[in-house]
Amino acid sequence: MQKRLIREKYWLVLLACLALSAGACSSNIVSDVVSSPLSAAGTVRGAHTGLNVYLQSPAAEGLDFMDPAVVGYGIPAGGRVEIELASGFIRDPGVKLTQKAIMVVTGAPQQGMPGKKVGYAVSQGGNSNTYAITPTKPGGLMAAQLMSPAPGAAGDPIRQRGIKVFHIGFLASPFKNGADRGTVRVRFYDGNNKVIREGEGSIRFLPDAVPQIFPNNIPQKQRNHNWQRIAPGETLAVTPGTVPITLNLFEQASGAPHEMVKFKQGIVGAGVLSTQQLQAMGYSRPAALARYNGGLIVKDSNGDGTLDPRVDRIIGGVLGRAPSGAKGQELRTLEQQGRLVLSEPMGNFHPKIGKLFGGAVMQLQFTAGDKPGKYRPTLALLRDPENLHSGDGSRYTYTIVVK
C-alpha cells in the first residue's frame, strides 16, 4: 500500500511539472557564487562586496551553462528578476540599488548587457537587500534575442544569448561582506507575480586577501575567449579566427578591508611555462607543486622578459584536464615574433577599465590535443607565493572544445 502511494505521488508530481513551464519545476538555477572578475578583494570579510552569481539549468549544469551554444534565461513580459543578498551582508543605505551596482551578464568571461541598451531597469525589490530587474520593453526580454552590445561580441563564432550571470557590486557596492559566509537567492517571476524558477548559492568569505586570477575578455573588444572550438592540433591565438585565453591578475590586496575596494595593482610580468617547456629546460617540479600537471605560472623577477622557475618566482600553476588518452595539449604564454607576451597592466588594453578596476592581463595560447572533447585547464595562484606549501587560493577554469 505504501509503495503504491509513493508511486502515485511521483506521477502526480511529474504530471504537474509537465503542465507547467520547464522553469517552474527546475532544480536550483544558481550554479555558484564567486568573486567578481574585476575586484581584487570582493570576497574578503569586511570588504565591499564584489560577486558573480553564476546560473545554470537542468539541461546544462555548472560550467556547461556558459557554453555559447546554450541559451541563457530571459524575463517574461510583465515579469522581473529579484537577486537577494539574503544573509551575511551589511547593507550601506547610502548606496542605491541602481544599474551602477549590478550588471546583467551573458557568459564568462562576462559580456555585459547594460539596461539602457538591452531594455531593463534596476530598482530595489521587496526589501533593502534585494535588487529588482524589470524589462522596459512590453514583450519582456526574450532569451534567444538577448545579446551583449560589446563591440567584439558580433565577431564571436557562436553568440552568447540570454542571462547567465549577475555581477553584484559593478561600479558601486551597496554591501559589505559581514560574516563568514554569504547567501544569495535568485527568483524569476512571470507576469502574474509567480515564481517560475529560483535558486540560491553561498560563498565563504576570505579572512584575508589572496592574489587573484580571473577570466577576462578585455582584449579583442570583449570577444568571447572561453568555449572556443578548434580541431585537434590547432592552436588558440594562432589558428585564424581564434583569440588567446586571457586572464586578469591581481596582487594580494593590502590595507584595511573597507579600503580594499580601491586596490588595483596587477601582477605584471607573469606567464605560463607548459609542462613541455619545463621538461625541455630540465626542470622538475617540487613535490609541493606536483598537482600542477599542466605547467607553472611564473613571474619574471629579474625583468629580462623570459621565464625560468629556477630564478623567477613561481606564483601558481595549471591543473590540466583532458579527454581520456589525449596527447599533445599544451597551455603556454602567448609568443609574438619570438618573444613572450607577459602580463601587462589592464590600462594598456583599455585605459578606462584599467583606471576603474586595475589588474594585469595575461595572454596564453592553447594547442589542442589529439582527441575530441572538452579540455579544461584550471589556472590557480598560490595562496602565498612565498610558500610553495600554502595551497591554492584563487583559480579559474577555461573550456576549449576540440572537434
Protein backbone atom coordinates (compact mmCIF):
# COMPACT_ATOMS: atom_id res chain seq x y z
CA MET A 1 0.00 0.00 0.00
CA GLN A 2 2.75 2.42 0.96
CA LYS A 3 4.70 1.70 -2.25
CA ARG A 4 1.55 2.34 -4.31
CA LEU A 5 1.03 5.75 -2.62
CA ILE A 6 4.63 6.69 -3.31
CA ARG A 7 4.24 5.75 -6.99
CA GLU A 8 1.02 7.75 -7.27
CA LYS A 9 2.64 10.78 -5.64
CA TYR A 10 5.57 10.52 -8.06
CA TRP A 11 3.30 10.51 -11.12
CA LEU A 12 1.22 13.40 -9.79
CA VAL A 13 4.36 15.50 -9.36
CA LEU A 14 5.61 14.53 -12.81
CA LEU A 15 2.29 15.43 -14.47
CA ALA A 16 2.22 18.75 -12.64
CA CYS A 17 5.70 19.55 -13.94
CA LEU A 18 4.70 18.70 -17.50
CA ALA A 19 1.71 21.02 -17.23
CA LEU A 20 3.88 23.94 -16.11
CA SER A 21 6.77 25.71 -17.81
CA ALA A 22 10.14 23.96 -17.65
CA GLY A 23 11.50 26.61 -15.27
CA ALA A 24 8.74 26.09 -12.72
CA CYS A 25 9.97 22.59 -11.80
CA SER A 26 13.66 23.06 -12.41
CA SER A 27 16.26 22.45 -9.77
CA ASN A 28 18.45 25.13 -8.24
CA ILE A 29 19.27 27.61 -11.02
CA VAL A 30 22.26 29.06 -9.13
CA SER A 31 25.39 27.15 -10.03
CA ASP A 32 27.91 29.07 -7.95
CA VAL A 33 28.70 32.36 -6.23
CA VAL A 34 32.24 33.55 -6.91
CA SER A 35 34.33 36.70 -6.81
CA SER A 36 33.74 39.44 -9.34
CA PRO A 37 36.48 39.26 -12.00
CA LEU A 38 37.07 43.00 -11.59
CA SER A 39 37.70 43.06 -7.85
CA ALA A 40 40.91 42.21 -6.01
CA ALA A 41 39.06 41.78 -2.70
CA GLY A 42 35.35 41.36 -3.44
CA THR A 43 35.10 38.25 -1.29
CA VAL A 44 37.21 39.35 1.70
CA ARG A 45 35.40 39.52 5.03
CA GLY A 46 34.69 43.15 5.89
CA ALA A 47 35.42 44.40 2.35
CA HIS A 48 32.97 45.80 -0.20
CA THR A 49 31.06 43.03 -1.92
CA GLY A 50 32.05 42.14 -5.48
CA LEU A 51 30.40 38.93 -6.67
CA ASN A 52 29.36 36.99 -9.73
CA VAL A 53 26.28 34.79 -9.38
CA TYR A 54 26.55 32.00 -11.96
CA LEU A 55 23.31 30.44 -13.20
CA GLN A 56 22.60 27.01 -14.63
CA SER A 57 19.71 24.93 -15.94
CA PRO A 58 18.69 21.27 -15.56
CA ALA A 59 19.85 20.65 -19.12
CA ALA A 60 23.20 22.43 -18.69
CA GLU A 61 24.57 22.39 -15.18
CA GLY A 62 27.65 24.11 -13.80
CA LEU A 63 30.23 25.25 -16.33
CA ASP A 64 28.27 23.75 -19.24
CA PHE A 65 25.71 26.54 -18.92
CA MET A 66 28.41 29.00 -20.08
CA ASP A 67 28.70 27.27 -23.46
CA PRO A 68 27.58 29.85 -26.05
CA ALA A 69 25.63 27.07 -27.77
CA VAL A 70 23.41 27.03 -24.66
CA VAL A 71 20.82 29.82 -24.42
CA GLY A 72 20.53 31.50 -21.02
CA TYR A 73 17.43 32.94 -19.37
CA GLY A 74 15.05 35.70 -20.40
CA ILE A 75 12.46 37.66 -18.44
CA PRO A 76 8.79 37.26 -19.50
CA ALA A 77 6.55 40.21 -20.30
CA GLY A 78 5.36 41.79 -17.08
CA GLY A 79 7.84 39.73 -15.09
CA ARG A 80 11.07 40.53 -13.25
CA VAL A 81 14.11 39.00 -11.61
CA GLU A 82 15.00 39.50 -7.97
CA ILE A 83 18.50 38.96 -6.63
CA GLU A 84 18.51 38.96 -2.84
CA LEU A 85 21.63 39.13 -0.70
CA ALA A 86 19.83 37.09 1.88
CA SER A 87 22.37 36.66 4.67
CA GLY A 88 25.94 37.50 5.58
CA PHE A 89 25.96 41.01 4.10
CA ILE A 90 25.92 44.50 5.59
CA ARG A 91 23.81 47.00 3.63
CA ASP A 92 25.10 50.53 3.05
CA PRO A 93 21.89 52.60 2.84
CA GLY A 94 23.82 55.47 1.26
CA VAL A 95 24.38 53.49 -1.95
CA LYS A 96 21.24 52.88 -4.00
CA LEU A 97 20.40 49.69 -5.88
CA THR A 98 20.81 51.00 -9.42
CA GLN A 99 22.49 49.95 -12.65
CA LYS A 100 25.84 51.06 -11.20
CA ALA A 101 25.51 48.40 -8.51
CA ILE A 102 24.65 45.39 -10.72
CA MET A 103 25.17 44.21 -14.29
CA VAL A 104 23.29 41.51 -16.18
CA VAL A 105 25.84 39.36 -17.98
CA THR A 106 25.89 36.71 -20.64
CA GLY A 107 28.71 34.18 -20.37
CA ALA A 108 32.03 34.05 -18.55
CA PRO A 109 34.27 35.94 -19.15
CA GLN A 110 31.48 38.36 -18.99
CA GLN A 111 29.93 40.26 -21.83
CA GLY A 112 27.84 42.89 -20.08
CA MET A 113 24.28 43.77 -21.06
CA PRO A 114 23.55 47.32 -19.77
CA GLY A 115 19.89 48.05 -19.09
CA LYS A 116 19.61 51.09 -21.34
CA LYS A 117 20.92 49.15 -24.32
CA VAL A 118 19.11 45.83 -23.90
CA GLY A 119 15.94 47.04 -22.14
CA TYR A 120 15.66 46.69 -18.37
CA ALA A 121 15.55 48.88 -15.26
CA VAL A 122 17.16 48.27 -11.86
CA SER A 123 15.47 49.16 -8.58
CA GLN A 124 15.08 47.95 -5.01
CA GLY A 125 12.92 44.88 -4.60
CA GLY A 126 10.80 43.79 -1.65
CA ASN A 127 13.49 44.66 0.90
CA SER A 128 16.64 46.77 1.09
CA ASN A 129 18.85 43.76 0.30
CA THR A 130 17.09 42.85 -2.95
CA TYR A 131 17.77 44.02 -6.47
CA ALA A 132 14.81 44.02 -8.88
CA ILE A 133 15.45 43.83 -12.62
CA THR A 134 12.39 44.68 -14.71
CA PRO A 135 12.10 44.74 -18.53
CA THR A 136 11.30 48.11 -20.03
CA LYS A 137 10.04 46.54 -23.25
CA PRO A 138 6.37 45.46 -23.46
CA GLY A 139 7.32 42.00 -24.70
CA GLY A 140 9.87 41.39 -21.96
CA LEU A 141 13.38 40.12 -22.69
CA MET A 142 13.41 37.07 -24.93
CA ALA A 143 16.42 34.90 -24.13
CA ALA A 144 17.19 33.95 -27.72
CA GLN A 145 17.37 37.63 -28.70
CA LEU A 146 19.20 38.88 -25.60
CA MET A 147 22.81 39.58 -26.62
CA SER A 148 25.60 41.81 -25.38
CA PRO A 149 26.32 45.05 -27.26
CA ALA A 150 30.07 44.60 -26.55
CA PRO A 151 31.90 45.58 -29.77
CA GLY A 152 33.68 42.25 -30.19
CA ALA A 153 30.63 40.09 -29.45
CA ALA A 154 29.46 40.40 -33.05
CA GLY A 155 32.64 38.56 -34.09
CA ASP A 156 32.02 35.53 -31.89
CA PRO A 157 31.58 32.35 -33.96
CA ILE A 158 28.64 31.49 -31.67
CA ARG A 159 26.94 34.44 -29.97
CA GLN A 160 26.19 34.23 -26.26
CA ARG A 161 22.45 34.74 -25.66
CA GLY A 162 20.38 35.12 -22.55
CA ILE A 163 21.13 35.87 -18.90
CA LYS A 164 23.82 33.64 -17.39
CA VAL A 165 25.48 35.74 -14.67
CA PHE A 166 24.65 38.62 -12.31
CA HIS A 167 27.59 40.87 -11.44
CA ILE A 168 26.91 42.34 -7.99
CA GLY A 169 28.89 45.42 -6.99
CA PHE A 170 29.78 46.55 -10.51
CA LEU A 171 30.66 50.27 -10.39
CA ALA A 172 29.32 50.77 -6.87
CA SER A 173 28.89 48.38 -3.96
CA PRO A 174 25.89 48.84 -1.64
CA PHE A 175 27.07 45.91 0.53
CA LYS A 176 30.00 44.70 2.61
CA ASN A 177 30.82 41.10 3.46
CA GLY A 178 29.74 40.92 7.07
CA ALA A 179 30.10 37.32 8.17
CA ASP A 180 31.95 34.07 7.49
CA ARG A 181 29.56 33.20 4.67
CA GLY A 182 27.11 34.99 2.40
CA THR A 183 23.99 33.57 0.73
CA VAL A 184 22.41 34.92 -2.47
CA ARG A 185 18.94 34.00 -3.76
CA VAL A 186 17.65 34.48 -7.32
CA ARG A 187 13.98 34.42 -8.33
CA PHE A 188 12.46 34.80 -11.80
CA TYR A 189 8.81 35.97 -11.82
CA ASP A 190 6.25 35.81 -14.61
CA GLY A 191 3.68 38.49 -15.41
CA ASN A 192 1.33 37.12 -12.74
CA ASN A 193 3.90 37.65 -9.97
CA LYS A 194 4.52 33.91 -9.78
CA VAL A 195 8.00 32.47 -9.22
CA ILE A 196 8.80 30.36 -12.30
CA ARG A 197 12.41 29.50 -11.44
CA GLU A 198 14.64 30.11 -8.47
CA GLY A 199 17.79 29.11 -6.71
CA GLU A 200 20.37 30.08 -4.17
CA GLY A 201 24.08 29.78 -3.58
CA SER A 202 26.58 30.75 -0.95
CA ILE A 203 30.21 31.74 -0.67
CA ARG A 204 32.67 31.54 2.19
CA PHE A 205 34.35 34.91 2.65
CA LEU A 206 38.13 35.07 2.92
CA PRO A 207 39.59 36.00 6.30
CA ASP A 208 42.47 37.68 4.42
CA ALA A 209 43.08 38.80 0.87
CA VAL A 210 44.92 36.50 -1.55
CA PRO A 211 46.36 37.04 -5.05
CA GLN A 212 43.57 36.71 -7.59
CA ILE A 213 43.22 35.23 -11.07
CA PHE A 214 40.06 35.79 -13.09
CA PRO A 215 38.66 35.21 -16.58
CA ASN A 216 38.98 38.25 -18.81
CA ASN A 217 38.00 39.31 -22.31
CA ILE A 218 39.02 42.96 -22.49
CA PRO A 219 41.42 42.39 -25.44
CA GLN A 220 39.83 41.86 -28.84
CA LYS A 221 36.97 44.23 -27.87
CA GLN A 222 35.29 41.79 -25.46
CA ARG A 223 35.15 38.82 -27.78
CA ASN A 224 34.30 35.56 -26.03
CA HIS A 225 37.64 33.99 -25.13
CA ASN A 226 36.06 30.98 -23.43
CA TRP A 227 34.48 27.90 -25.03
CA GLN A 228 36.36 28.33 -28.30
CA ARG A 229 36.13 25.48 -30.78
CA ILE A 230 39.14 24.15 -32.67
CA ALA A 231 40.34 20.97 -34.38
CA PRO A 232 42.95 18.58 -32.94
CA GLY A 233 46.43 20.12 -33.15
CA GLU A 234 45.19 23.65 -33.78
CA THR A 235 46.28 26.49 -31.50
CA LEU A 236 44.16 29.24 -30.00
CA ALA A 237 45.61 32.69 -30.83
CA VAL A 238 47.42 31.19 -33.85
CA THR A 239 44.67 29.46 -35.85
CA PRO A 240 42.73 32.11 -37.85
CA GLY A 241 39.51 33.21 -36.16
CA THR A 242 40.68 32.29 -32.68
CA VAL A 243 41.83 34.52 -29.80
CA PRO A 244 44.12 33.92 -26.81
CA ILE A 245 42.99 32.65 -23.44
CA THR A 246 43.14 35.77 -21.30
CA LEU A 247 43.11 36.28 -17.55
CA ASN A 248 43.16 39.22 -15.15
CA LEU A 249 45.69 39.04 -12.31
CA PHE A 250 45.73 40.98 -9.04
CA GLU A 251 48.42 41.12 -6.39
CA GLN A 252 47.28 40.41 -2.83
CA ALA A 253 45.17 43.39 -1.75
CA SER A 254 46.57 45.40 1.16
CA GLY A 255 45.15 47.81 3.72
CA ALA A 256 42.09 47.62 5.94
CA PRO A 257 39.24 45.51 4.45
CA HIS A 258 36.92 48.51 3.94
CA GLU A 259 39.66 50.22 1.90
CA MET A 260 40.49 47.26 -0.33
CA VAL A 261 37.87 48.31 -2.88
CA LYS A 262 40.46 50.85 -4.07
CA PHE A 263 43.19 48.25 -4.60
CA LYS A 264 44.08 47.90 -8.31
CA GLN A 265 47.63 46.59 -8.53
CA GLY A 266 48.01 43.86 -11.11
CA ILE A 267 50.59 41.08 -11.32
CA VAL A 268 52.77 42.34 -14.17
CA GLY A 269 55.33 40.21 -15.99
CA ALA A 270 53.67 36.84 -15.41
CA GLY A 271 53.12 33.96 -17.79
CA VAL A 272 52.79 30.19 -18.09
CA LEU A 273 55.53 27.67 -18.74
CA SER A 274 53.94 24.47 -20.03
CA THR A 275 54.95 21.00 -18.85
CA GLN A 276 56.65 20.52 -22.23
CA GLN A 277 58.69 23.70 -21.77
CA LEU A 278 59.68 22.74 -18.23
CA GLN A 279 60.82 19.31 -19.42
CA ALA A 280 62.83 20.90 -22.25
CA MET A 281 64.77 23.02 -19.77
CA GLY A 282 65.35 20.04 -17.49
CA TYR A 283 63.27 21.40 -14.63
CA SER A 284 61.43 19.09 -12.24
CA ARG A 285 58.52 20.43 -10.24
CA PRO A 286 58.95 20.39 -6.45
CA ALA A 287 56.77 17.81 -4.70
CA ALA A 288 54.64 20.62 -3.24
CA LEU A 289 53.64 21.58 -6.80
CA ALA A 290 53.11 18.08 -8.21
CA ARG A 291 49.40 18.79 -8.75
CA TYR A 292 50.26 21.30 -11.49
CA ASN A 293 50.36 18.73 -14.29
CA GLY A 294 49.82 21.37 -17.00
CA GLY A 295 52.64 23.76 -16.14
CA LEU A 296 53.61 26.60 -13.83
CA ILE A 297 52.60 30.26 -13.59
CA VAL A 298 55.81 32.23 -13.18
CA LYS A 299 56.52 35.93 -12.64
CA ASP A 300 59.57 37.44 -14.31
CA SER A 301 61.57 38.62 -11.28
CA ASN A 302 64.70 39.97 -12.96
CA GLY A 303 62.99 41.83 -15.80
CA ASP A 304 64.76 40.00 -18.63
CA GLY A 305 61.49 39.22 -20.44
CA THR A 306 61.90 35.47 -20.07
CA LEU A 307 60.58 32.89 -17.59
CA ASP A 308 62.71 30.44 -15.65
CA PRO A 309 61.38 28.83 -12.44
CA ARG A 310 64.95 28.44 -11.17
CA VAL A 311 65.45 32.22 -10.98
CA ASP A 312 61.98 33.72 -11.27
CA ARG A 313 59.10 33.50 -8.79
CA ILE A 314 56.63 30.62 -9.07
CA ILE A 315 53.19 32.05 -8.23
CA GLY A 316 50.86 29.24 -9.30
CA GLY A 317 50.23 26.54 -11.82
CA VAL A 318 47.96 24.77 -14.28
CA LEU A 319 45.81 21.77 -13.44
CA GLY A 320 45.13 20.18 -16.81
CA ARG A 321 42.07 18.10 -17.59
CA ALA A 322 41.55 16.47 -20.98
CA PRO A 323 39.63 13.64 -22.66
CA SER A 324 40.92 10.19 -21.73
CA GLY A 325 44.05 9.28 -23.65
CA ALA A 326 44.54 12.72 -25.19
CA LYS A 327 48.09 13.74 -26.06
CA GLY A 328 49.74 16.91 -27.30
CA GLN A 329 47.65 19.50 -25.46
CA GLU A 330 49.66 22.48 -24.23
CA LEU A 331 48.88 25.78 -22.50
CA ARG A 332 51.68 28.35 -22.56
CA THR A 333 52.35 32.07 -22.71
CA LEU A 334 51.50 33.73 -25.99
CA GLU A 335 54.53 34.33 -28.22
CA GLN A 336 54.79 37.06 -30.84
CA GLN A 337 57.80 37.46 -33.08
CA GLY A 338 59.73 35.02 -30.93
CA ARG A 339 59.14 36.91 -27.67
CA LEU A 340 56.96 36.08 -24.70
CA VAL A 341 53.92 38.30 -24.19
CA LEU A 342 53.93 38.55 -20.40
CA SER A 343 51.08 40.08 -18.38
CA GLU A 344 50.61 43.82 -18.79
CA PRO A 345 48.60 46.44 -16.88
CA MET A 346 44.91 46.47 -17.82
CA GLY A 347 45.27 50.10 -18.87
CA ASN A 348 47.46 49.05 -21.81
CA PHE A 349 44.43 47.28 -23.28
CA HIS A 350 41.64 49.59 -22.15
CA PRO A 351 42.61 52.85 -20.37
CA LYS A 352 39.14 53.45 -18.91
CA ILE A 353 38.72 49.94 -17.49
CA GLY A 354 42.30 50.00 -16.27
CA LYS A 355 41.62 53.20 -14.34
CA LEU A 356 38.35 51.92 -12.89
CA PHE A 357 39.35 48.39 -11.92
CA GLY A 358 43.06 47.78 -12.44
CA GLY A 359 44.66 44.37 -12.70
CA ALA A 360 47.00 42.97 -15.33
CA VAL A 361 46.10 40.91 -18.39
CA MET A 362 47.87 37.62 -19.12
CA GLN A 363 47.50 36.12 -22.62
CA LEU A 364 48.01 32.44 -23.33
CA GLN A 365 47.95 30.15 -26.35
CA PHE A 366 46.48 26.66 -26.20
CA THR A 367 47.28 23.80 -28.55
CA ALA A 368 44.56 21.15 -28.74
CA GLY A 369 45.32 17.51 -28.08
CA ASP A 370 44.67 14.68 -30.48
CA LYS A 371 41.30 13.59 -29.06
CA PRO A 372 37.93 15.34 -29.49
CA GLY A 373 36.14 16.55 -26.39
CA LYS A 374 36.35 19.22 -23.70
CA TYR A 375 39.74 20.37 -22.47
CA ARG A 376 39.55 22.22 -19.16
CA PRO A 377 42.78 23.77 -17.87
CA THR A 378 42.41 25.32 -14.42
CA LEU A 379 44.79 28.18 -13.64
CA ALA A 380 45.47 28.59 -9.92
CA LEU A 381 47.51 31.04 -7.86
CA LEU A 382 49.25 30.04 -4.67
CA ARG A 383 47.63 31.44 -1.55
CA ASP A 384 51.05 32.71 -0.56
CA PRO A 385 53.64 32.84 -3.38
CA GLU A 386 56.41 32.95 -0.78
CA ASN A 387 55.36 29.49 0.42
CA LEU A 388 55.10 26.67 -2.11
CA HIS A 389 53.24 24.62 0.50
CA SER A 390 50.48 27.24 1.02
CA GLY A 391 47.99 25.61 -1.37
CA ASP A 392 45.77 27.26 -3.96
CA GLY A 393 43.89 30.46 -3.29
CA SER A 394 42.17 31.83 -6.40
CA ARG A 395 41.58 29.71 -9.51
CA TYR A 396 39.62 29.69 -12.76
CA THR A 397 38.82 27.01 -15.34
CA TYR A 398 38.62 27.64 -19.10
CA THR A 399 36.90 25.26 -21.53
CA ILE A 400 38.14 24.53 -25.03
CA VAL A 401 36.05 22.28 -27.28
CA VAL A 402 38.03 20.13 -29.72
CA LYS A 403 36.03 18.69 -32.59
